PDB file of N, CA and C in Angstrom:
ATOM      1  N   UNK A   1       0.668  -1.318   0.343  1.00  0.00           N
ATOM      2  CA  UNK A   1       0.308   0.106  -0.022  1.00  0.00           C
ATOM      3  C   UNK A   1       0.558   1.322  -0.423  1.00  0.00           C
ATOM      4  N   UNK A   2       0.252   2.203  -0.606  1.00  0.00           N
ATOM      5  CA  UNK A   2       1.053   3.152  -1.119  1.00  0.00           C
ATOM      6  C   UNK A   2       0.861   4.435   0.004  1.00  0.00           C
ATOM      7  N   UNK A   3       1.184   5.107   1.106  1.00  0.00           N
ATOM      8  CA  UNK A   3       0.691   6.182   1.832  1.00  0.00           C
ATOM      9  C   UNK A   3       1.605   7.608   1.291  1.00  0.00           C
ATOM     10  N   UNK A   4       0.569   8.897   1.714  1.00  0.00           N
ATOM     11  CA  UNK A   4       1.024  10.076   1.684  1.00  0.00           C
ATOM     12  C   UNK A   4       0.773  11.093   2.808  1.00  0.00           C
ATOM     13  N   UNK A   5       1.638  11.522   3.261  1.00  0.00           N
ATOM     14  CA  UNK A   5       1.377  12.357   4.376  1.00  0.00           C
ATOM     15  C   UNK A   5       1.801  13.599   4.369  1.00  0.00           C
ATOM     16  N   UNK A   6       0.546  14.709   4.068  1.00  0.00           N
ATOM     17  CA  UNK A   6       1.301  16.056   4.880  1.00  0.00           C
ATOM     18  C   UNK A   6       1.012  16.887   5.612  1.00  0.00           C
ATOM     19  N   UNK A   7       2.256  17.127   5.848  1.00  0.00           N
ATOM     20  CA  UNK A   7       1.891  18.041   7.330  1.00  0.00           C
ATOM     21  C   UNK A   7       2.355  19.194   7.189  1.00  0.00           C
ATOM     22  N   UNK A   8       2.100  19.786   8.439  1.00  0.00           N
ATOM     23  CA  UNK A   8       2.032  21.530   8.438  1.00  0.00           C
ATOM     24  C   UNK A   8       3.091  22.038   9.549  1.00  0.00           C
ATOM     25  N   UNK A   9       4.544  21.460   9.648  1.00  0.00           N
ATOM     26  CA  UNK A   9       5.059  22.040  10.931  1.00  0.00           C
ATOM     27  C   UNK A   9       4.897  23.438  11.709  1.00  0.00           C
ATOM     28  N   UNK A  10       4.978  23.398  12.859  1.00  0.00           N
ATOM     29  CA  UNK A  10       4.791  24.550  13.385  1.00  0.00           C
ATOM     30  C   UNK A  10       5.886  25.163  13.003  1.00  0.00           C
ATOM     31  N   UNK A  11       6.243  26.737  12.271  1.00  0.00           N
ATOM     32  CA  UNK A  11       7.025  27.185  12.229  1.00  0.00           C
ATOM     33  C   UNK A  11       7.976  27.661  13.316  1.00  0.00           C
ATOM     34  N   UNK A  12       9.365  27.682  13.156  1.00  0.00           N
ATOM     35  CA  UNK A  12      10.288  27.960  14.135  1.00  0.00           C
ATOM     36  C   UNK A  12      11.212  29.160  14.139  1.00  0.00           C
ATOM     37  N   UNK A  13      10.959  29.453  12.975  1.00  0.00           N
ATOM     38  CA  UNK A  13      11.659  30.801  12.646  1.00  0.00           C
ATOM     39  C   UNK A  13      11.295  31.271  10.779  1.00  0.00           C
ATOM     40  N   UNK A  14      11.698  32.188  10.567  1.00  0.00           N
ATOM     41  CA  UNK A  14      11.357  32.766   9.400  1.00  0.00           C
ATOM     42  C   UNK A  14      11.483  31.589   8.121  1.00  0.00           C
ATOM     43  N   UNK A  15      12.510  30.852   8.438  1.00  0.00           N
ATOM     44  CA  UNK A  15      12.941  30.332   7.351  1.00  0.00           C
ATOM     45  C   UNK A  15      12.741  28.607   7.201  1.00  0.00           C
ATOM     46  N   UNK A  16      11.432  28.665   8.407  1.00  0.00           N
ATOM     47  CA  UNK A  16      11.253  27.108   8.364  1.00  0.00           C
ATOM     48  C   UNK A  16      10.032  26.948   7.090  1.00  0.00           C
ATOM     49  N   UNK A  17       9.938  25.628   6.848  1.00  0.00           N
ATOM     50  CA  UNK A  17       9.141  24.878   5.244  1.00  0.00           C
ATOM     51  C   UNK A  17       7.829  24.775   5.792  1.00  0.00           C
ATOM     52  N   UNK A  18       7.153  26.036   4.644  1.00  0.00           N
ATOM     53  CA  UNK A  18       5.664  25.575   4.928  1.00  0.00           C
ATOM     54  C   UNK A  18       5.119  24.565   5.325  1.00  0.00           C
ATOM     55  N   UNK A  19       6.029  23.309   4.499  1.00  0.00           N
ATOM     56  CA  UNK A  19       5.066  21.806   4.509  1.00  0.00           C
ATOM     57  C   UNK A  19       5.940  20.670   4.398  1.00  0.00           C
ATOM     58  N   UNK A  20       5.657  19.531   4.245  1.00  0.00           N
ATOM     59  CA  UNK A  20       6.509  18.565   4.322  1.00  0.00           C
ATOM     60  C   UNK A  20       5.398  17.172   3.734  1.00  0.00           C
ATOM     61  N   UNK A  21       6.142  16.375   2.670  1.00  0.00           N
ATOM     62  CA  UNK A  21       5.351  15.493   2.430  1.00  0.00           C
ATOM     63  C   UNK A  21       6.026  14.754   2.590  1.00  0.00           C
ATOM     64  N   UNK A  22       5.367  13.421   3.247  1.00  0.00           N
ATOM     65  CA  UNK A  22       5.947  11.995   3.461  1.00  0.00           C
ATOM     66  C   UNK A  22       5.510  10.968   2.822  1.00  0.00           C
ATOM     67  N   UNK A  23       5.832  10.157   1.768  1.00  0.00           N
ATOM     68  CA  UNK A  23       5.790   9.227   1.046  1.00  0.00           C
ATOM     69  C   UNK A  23       6.188   7.817   1.172  1.00  0.00           C
ATOM     70  N   UNK A  24       5.217   6.953   1.225  1.00  0.00           N
ATOM     71  CA  UNK A  24       5.511   5.554   1.414  1.00  0.00           C
ATOM     72  C   UNK A  24       5.298   4.658  -0.059  1.00  0.00           C
ATOM     73  N   UNK A  25       6.246   3.742  -0.592  1.00  0.00           N
ATOM     74  CA  UNK A  25       5.521   3.229  -1.674  1.00  0.00           C
ATOM     75  C   UNK A  25       6.900   2.408  -2.547  1.00  0.00           C
ATOM     76  N   UNK A  26       6.253   1.576  -3.502  1.00  0.00           N
ATOM     77  CA  UNK A  26       7.944   1.292  -4.403  1.00  0.00           C
ATOM     78  C   UNK A  26       8.296   2.445  -5.121  1.00  0.00           C
ATOM     79  N   UNK A  27       9.471   2.167  -5.181  1.00  0.00           N
ATOM     80  CA  UNK A  27      10.586   2.801  -5.806  1.00  0.00           C
ATOM     81  C   UNK A  27      10.185   3.288  -7.279  1.00  0.00           C
ATOM     82  N   UNK A  28      10.383   3.896  -8.070  1.00  0.00           N
ATOM     83  CA  UNK A  28       9.598   3.887  -9.665  1.00  0.00           C
ATOM     84  C   UNK A  28      10.846   3.140 -10.116  1.00  0.00           C
ATOM     85  N   UNK A  29      12.331   2.994  -9.440  1.00  0.00           N
ATOM     86  CA  UNK A  29      13.539   2.654 -10.781  1.00  0.00           C
ATOM     87  C   UNK A  29      13.980   1.419  -9.643  1.00  0.00           C
ATOM     88  N   UNK A  30      13.820   0.922  -8.785  1.00  0.00           N
ATOM     89  CA  UNK A  30      14.067  -0.198  -8.002  1.00  0.00           C
ATOM     90  C   UNK A  30      12.832  -1.242  -7.808  1.00  0.00           C
ATOM     91  N   UNK A  31      11.688  -0.691  -7.966  1.00  0.00           N
ATOM     92  CA  UNK A  31      10.604  -1.512  -6.983  1.00  0.00           C
ATOM     93  C   UNK A  31      10.335  -1.724  -5.798  1.00  0.00           C
ATOM     94  N   UNK A  32      11.738  -1.711  -4.958  1.00  0.00           N
ATOM     95  CA  UNK A  32      11.734  -1.688  -3.323  1.00  0.00           C
ATOM     96  C   UNK A  32      11.033  -0.844  -2.696  1.00  0.00           C
ATOM     97  N   UNK A  33      10.655  -1.324  -1.532  1.00  0.00           N
ATOM     98  CA  UNK A  33       9.749  -0.222  -0.668  1.00  0.00           C
ATOM     99  C   UNK A  33      10.905   0.948  -0.161  1.00  0.00           C
ATOM    100  N   UNK A  34      10.087   1.942  -0.278  1.00  0.00           N
ATOM    101  CA  UNK A  34      11.271   2.910   0.490  1.00  0.00           C
ATOM    102  C   UNK A  34      10.073   4.098   0.575  1.00  0.00           C
ATOM    103  N   UNK A  35      10.807   4.922   1.522  1.00  0.00           N
ATOM    104  CA  UNK A  35      10.176   6.450   2.089  1.00  0.00           C
ATOM    105  C   UNK A  35      11.018   7.526   1.951  1.00  0.00           C
ATOM    106  N   UNK A  36       9.873   8.351   1.396  1.00  0.00           N
ATOM    107  CA  UNK A  36      11.152  10.319   0.968  1.00  0.00           C
ATOM    108  C   UNK A  36      10.016  10.961   2.094  1.00  0.00           C
ATOM    109  N   UNK A  37      10.924  12.270   1.982  1.00  0.00           N
ATOM    110  CA  UNK A  37      10.244  12.831   2.587  1.00  0.00           C
ATOM    111  C   UNK A  37      10.637  14.230   1.316  1.00  0.00           C
ATOM    112  N   UNK A  38       9.777  15.317   1.150  1.00  0.00           N
ATOM    113  CA  UNK A  38       9.931  16.324   0.364  1.00  0.00           C
ATOM    114  C   UNK A  38       9.410  17.655   1.163  1.00  0.00           C
ATOM    115  N   UNK A  39      10.476  18.292   1.078  1.00  0.00           N
ATOM    116  CA  UNK A  39      10.397  20.088   1.778  1.00  0.00           C
ATOM    117  C   UNK A  39      10.498  21.023   0.947  1.00  0.00           C
ATOM    118  N   UNK A  40       9.851  21.878   0.990  1.00  0.00           N
ATOM    119  CA  UNK A  40      10.553  22.813  -0.044  1.00  0.00           C
ATOM    120  C   UNK A  40      11.766  23.564   0.385  1.00  0.00           C
ATOM    121  N   UNK A  41      12.661  24.033  -0.434  1.00  0.00           N
ATOM    122  CA  UNK A  41      13.633  24.872   0.316  1.00  0.00           C
ATOM    123  C   UNK A  41      13.392  26.415   0.262  1.00  0.00           C
ATOM    124  N   UNK A  42      13.897  26.746   1.253  1.00  0.00           N
ATOM    125  CA  UNK A  42      13.608  28.104   1.485  1.00  0.00           C
ATOM    126  C   UNK A  42      14.859  29.057   1.295  1.00  0.00           C
ATOM    127  N   UNK A  43      14.789  29.480   0.036  1.00  0.00           N
ATOM    128  CA  UNK A  43      16.043  29.847  -0.635  1.00  0.00           C
ATOM    129  C   UNK A  43      16.024  31.314  -1.630  1.00  0.00           C
ATOM    130  N   UNK A  44      16.364  32.114  -1.476  1.00  0.00           N
ATOM    131  CA  UNK A  44      16.291  33.050  -3.008  1.00  0.00           C
ATOM    132  C   UNK A  44      16.637  32.502  -3.693  1.00  0.00           C
ATOM    133  N   UNK A  45      17.948  31.854  -4.154  1.00  0.00           N
ATOM    134  CA  UNK A  45      18.828  31.287  -5.201  1.00  0.00           C
ATOM    135  C   UNK A  45      17.617  30.412  -5.908  1.00  0.00           C
ATOM    136  N   UNK A  46      16.949  29.609  -4.770  1.00  0.00           N
ATOM    137  CA  UNK A  46      16.516  27.978  -5.787  1.00  0.00           C
ATOM    138  C   UNK A  46      14.488  28.379  -5.458  1.00  0.00           C
ATOM    139  N   UNK A  47      14.039  29.102  -6.173  1.00  0.00           N
ATOM    140  CA  UNK A  47      12.763  29.139  -6.064  1.00  0.00           C
ATOM    141  C   UNK A  47      11.904  28.047  -6.618  1.00  0.00           C
ATOM    142  N   UNK A  48      11.053  27.387  -5.960  1.00  0.00           N
ATOM    143  CA  UNK A  48      10.152  26.569  -6.505  1.00  0.00           C
ATOM    144  C   UNK A  48      11.002  25.010  -6.869  1.00  0.00           C
ATOM    145  N   UNK A  49      11.601  25.063  -5.467  1.00  0.00           N
ATOM    146  CA  UNK A  49      12.417  23.685  -5.555  1.00  0.00           C
ATOM    147  C   UNK A  49      12.362  23.502  -4.539  1.00  0.00           C
ATOM    148  N   UNK A  50      12.485  21.690  -4.234  1.00  0.00           N
ATOM    149  CA  UNK A  50      12.453  21.140  -2.854  1.00  0.00           C
ATOM    150  C   UNK A  50      13.632  19.899  -2.670  1.00  0.00           C
ATOM    151  N   UNK A  51      13.914  20.229  -1.133  1.00  0.00           N
ATOM    152  CA  UNK A  51      14.694  18.779  -0.916  1.00  0.00           C
ATOM    153  C   UNK A  51      14.111  17.219  -0.493  1.00  0.00           C
ATOM    154  N   UNK A  52      14.522  16.437  -1.747  1.00  0.00           N
ATOM    155  CA  UNK A  52      13.560  15.347  -1.235  1.00  0.00           C
ATOM    156  C   UNK A  52      15.095  14.152  -0.629  1.00  0.00           C
ATOM    157  N   UNK A  53      14.539  13.631   0.407  1.00  0.00           N
ATOM    158  CA  UNK A  53      15.057  12.937   1.265  1.00  0.00           C
ATOM    159  C   UNK A  53      14.779  11.657   0.763  1.00  0.00           C
ATOM    160  N   UNK A  54      15.290  10.506   0.641  1.00  0.00           N
ATOM    161  CA  UNK A  54      15.035   8.815   0.572  1.00  0.00           C
ATOM    162  C   UNK A  54      15.356   7.635   1.380  1.00  0.00           C
ATOM    163  N   UNK A  55      14.808   6.597   2.086  1.00  0.00           N
ATOM    164  CA  UNK A  55      15.011   6.075   2.603  1.00  0.00           C
ATOM    165  C   UNK A  55      15.013   4.885   2.313  1.00  0.00           C
ATOM    166  N   UNK A  56      15.459   3.258   2.132  1.00  0.00           N
ATOM    167  CA  UNK A  56      15.370   2.302   1.869  1.00  0.00           C
ATOM    168  C   UNK A  56      14.273   1.674   3.117  1.00  0.00           C
ATOM    169  N   UNK A  57      13.317   1.124   2.749  1.00  0.00           N
ATOM    170  CA  UNK A  57      12.232   0.483   3.535  1.00  0.00           C
ATOM    171  C   UNK A  57      11.265   1.562   3.864  1.00  0.00           C
ATOM    172  N   UNK A  58      10.194   1.174   4.761  1.00  0.00           N
ATOM    173  CA  UNK A  58       9.178   2.208   5.070  1.00  0.00           C
ATOM    174  C   UNK A  58       9.287   2.047   6.795  1.00  0.00           C
ATOM    175  N   UNK A  59       9.920   3.906   6.574  1.00  0.00           N
ATOM    176  CA  UNK A  59       9.876   4.506   8.042  1.00  0.00           C
ATOM    177  C   UNK A  59       8.632   5.391   8.522  1.00  0.00           C
ATOM    178  N   UNK A  60       8.065   5.228  10.031  1.00  0.00           N
ATOM    179  CA  UNK A  60       7.045   5.461  10.060  1.00  0.00           C
ATOM    180  C   UNK A  60       7.066   6.525  11.389  1.00  0.00           C
ATOM    181  N   UNK A  61       8.097   6.015  12.022  1.00  0.00           N
ATOM    182  CA  UNK A  61       8.835   6.979  13.592  1.00  0.00           C
ATOM    183  C   UNK A  61       9.860   7.712  13.706  1.00  0.00           C
ATOM    184  N   UNK A  62       9.544   9.028  13.943  1.00  0.00           N
ATOM    185  CA  UNK A  62      10.202  10.322  13.532  1.00  0.00           C
ATOM    186  C   UNK A  62      11.782  10.130  13.760  1.00  0.00           C
ATOM    187  N   UNK A  63      11.715   9.348  15.309  1.00  0.00           N
ATOM    188  CA  UNK A  63      13.280   9.340  15.622  1.00  0.00           C
ATOM    189  C   UNK A  63      13.690   8.183  14.727  1.00  0.00           C
ATOM    190  N   UNK A  64      13.755   6.866  14.242  1.00  0.00           N
ATOM    191  CA  UNK A  64      13.853   6.481  13.337  1.00  0.00           C
ATOM    192  C   UNK A  64      14.332   6.848  12.099  1.00  0.00           C
ATOM    193  N   UNK A  65      13.286   8.027  11.490  1.00  0.00           N
ATOM    194  CA  UNK A  65      13.507   8.410  10.072  1.00  0.00           C
ATOM    195  C   UNK A  65      15.040   9.726  10.954  1.00  0.00           C
ATOM    196  N   UNK A  66      15.065  10.146  11.644  1.00  0.00           N
ATOM    197  CA  UNK A  66      15.814  11.350  12.130  1.00  0.00           C
ATOM    198  C   UNK A  66      17.604  10.635  11.896  1.00  0.00           C
ATOM    199  N   UNK A  67      17.686   9.262  12.153  1.00  0.00           N
ATOM    200  CA  UNK A  67      18.799   8.314  12.662  1.00  0.00           C
ATOM    201  C   UNK A  67      19.327   7.585  11.135  1.00  0.00           C
ATOM    202  N   UNK A  68      17.876   7.550  10.107  1.00  0.00           N
ATOM    203  CA  UNK A  68      18.555   6.566   8.824  1.00  0.00           C
ATOM    204  C   UNK A  68      19.552   7.652   7.915  1.00  0.00           C
ATOM    205  N   UNK A  69      19.595   6.271   7.043  1.00  0.00           N
ATOM    206  CA  UNK A  69      20.949   7.087   6.391  1.00  0.00           C
ATOM    207  C   UNK A  69      20.221   7.461   4.947  1.00  0.00           C
ATOM    208  N   UNK A  70      20.012   8.460   4.464  1.00  0.00           N
ATOM    209  CA  UNK A  70      19.413   9.049   3.714  1.00  0.00           C
ATOM    210  C   UNK A  70      19.970   9.418   2.443  1.00  0.00           C
ATOM    211  N   UNK A  71      19.530   9.405   1.529  1.00  0.00           N
ATOM    212  CA  UNK A  71      20.023   9.860   0.069  1.00  0.00           C
ATOM    213  C   UNK A  71      19.292  11.377  -0.333  1.00  0.00           C
ATOM    214  N   UNK A  72      19.633  12.399  -0.521  1.00  0.00           N
ATOM    215  CA  UNK A  72      19.032  13.849  -0.360  1.00  0.00           C
ATOM    216  C   UNK A  72      19.208  14.137  -1.607  1.00  0.00           C
ATOM    217  N   UNK A  73      18.384  14.468  -2.444  1.00  0.00           N
ATOM    218  CA  UNK A  73      18.465  15.619  -4.089  1.00  0.00           C
ATOM    219  C   UNK A  73      17.672  16.525  -3.578  1.00  0.00           C
ATOM    220  N   UNK A  74      17.550  17.472  -5.016  1.00  0.00           N
ATOM    221  CA  UNK A  74      17.512  18.791  -5.006  1.00  0.00           C
ATOM    222  C   UNK A  74      16.762  18.632  -6.028  1.00  0.00           C
ATOM    223  N   UNK A  75      15.466  18.733  -6.220  1.00  0.00           N
ATOM    224  CA  UNK A  75      14.036  18.466  -7.298  1.00  0.00           C
ATOM    225  C   UNK A  75      13.374  20.372  -7.275  1.00  0.00           C
ATOM    226  N   UNK A  76      13.182  20.117  -8.669  1.00  0.00           N
ATOM    227  CA  UNK A  76      11.880  21.426  -8.990  1.00  0.00           C
ATOM    228  C   UNK A  76      10.469  20.823  -8.026  1.00  0.00           C
ATOM    229  N   UNK A  77       9.722  21.697  -7.943  1.00  0.00           N
ATOM    230  CA  UNK A  77       7.996  21.223  -7.355  1.00  0.00           C
ATOM    231  C   UNK A  77       7.760  20.080  -8.508  1.00  0.00           C
ATOM    232  N   UNK A  78       7.458  20.705 -10.263  1.00  0.00           N
ATOM    233  CA  UNK A  78       7.397  19.873 -11.032  1.00  0.00           C
ATOM    234  C   UNK A  78       7.862  18.007 -10.751  1.00  0.00           C
ATOM    235  N   UNK A  79       8.835  18.103 -10.735  1.00  0.00           N
ATOM    236  CA  UNK A  79       9.603  16.867 -10.161  1.00  0.00           C
ATOM    237  C   UNK A  79       9.306  16.225  -9.329  1.00  0.00           C
ATOM    238  N   UNK A  80       8.867  16.643  -8.176  1.00  0.00           N
ATOM    239  CA  UNK A  80       8.689  16.255  -6.984  1.00  0.00           C
ATOM    240  C   UNK A  80       7.143  15.622  -6.894  1.00  0.00           C
ATOM    241  N   UNK A  81       6.419  16.068  -7.780  1.00  0.00           N
ATOM    242  CA  UNK A  81       5.051  15.930  -8.044  1.00  0.00           C
ATOM    243  C   UNK A  81       4.850  14.983  -8.782  1.00  0.00           C
ATOM    244  N   UNK A  82       5.968  15.040  -9.644  1.00  0.00           N
ATOM    245  CA  UNK A  82       5.790  13.579 -10.915  1.00  0.00           C
ATOM    246  C   UNK A  82       6.009  12.532  -9.953  1.00  0.00           C
ATOM    247  N   UNK A  83       7.559  12.646  -8.978  1.00  0.00           N
ATOM    248  CA  UNK A  83       7.494  11.416  -8.371  1.00  0.00           C
ATOM    249  C   UNK A  83       6.814  11.065  -7.023  1.00  0.00           C
ATOM    250  N   UNK A  84       6.057  11.828  -6.831  1.00  0.00           N
ATOM    251  CA  UNK A  84       4.562  11.696  -5.642  1.00  0.00           C
ATOM    252  C   UNK A  84       4.018  10.951  -6.680  1.00  0.00           C
ATOM    253  N   UNK A  85       3.684  11.294  -8.091  1.00  0.00           N
ATOM    254  CA  UNK A  85       2.572  10.549  -9.107  1.00  0.00           C
ATOM    255  C   UNK A  85       2.818   9.012  -9.236  1.00  0.00           C
ATOM    256  N   UNK A  86       4.149   8.884  -9.297  1.00  0.00           N
ATOM    257  CA  UNK A  86       5.043   7.565  -9.741  1.00  0.00           C
ATOM    258  C   UNK A  86       4.859   6.860  -8.507  1.00  0.00           C
ATOM    259  N   UNK A  87       5.175   7.342  -7.215  1.00  0.00           N
ATOM    260  CA  UNK A  87       4.626   6.201  -5.953  1.00  0.00           C
ATOM    261  C   UNK A  87       3.732   5.757  -5.544  1.00  0.00           C
ATOM    262  N   UNK A  88       2.545   7.061  -5.548  1.00  0.00           N
ATOM    263  CA  UNK A  88       1.819   6.427  -5.369  1.00  0.00           C
ATOM    264  C   UNK A  88       0.642   5.851  -6.658  1.00  0.00           C
ATOM    265  N   UNK A  89       1.147   5.630  -7.811  1.00  0.00           N
ATOM    266  CA  UNK A  89       0.370   4.946  -9.123  1.00  0.00           C
ATOM    267  C   UNK A  89      -0.353   5.334  -9.150  1.00  0.00           C
ATOM    268  N   UNK A  90      -0.313   6.955  -9.856  1.00  0.00           N
ATOM    269  CA  UNK A  90      -1.087   7.668 -10.476  1.00  0.00           C
ATOM    270  C   UNK A  90      -0.634   8.194 -11.107  1.00  0.00           C
TER     271      UNK A  90
END
């Protein structure tokens, strides 16, 4: 089952992200289960870009997520939206 969770963290500073999208499902490339967190970048240089963090397996606990080894990339919001569609099978 593919899961997506959109959260709105309480801003702790003016540069805090407005939202975070957590996805769980099959990786579009490998087919193995993975977890992603997509967060908008707060930067004047990269408007409409997101940080995308990926971890093998399904991680649901925040403490486990913080300690997991992540692969981090920067994508445009359109690329991140396409990733979310692929993971959700839409």
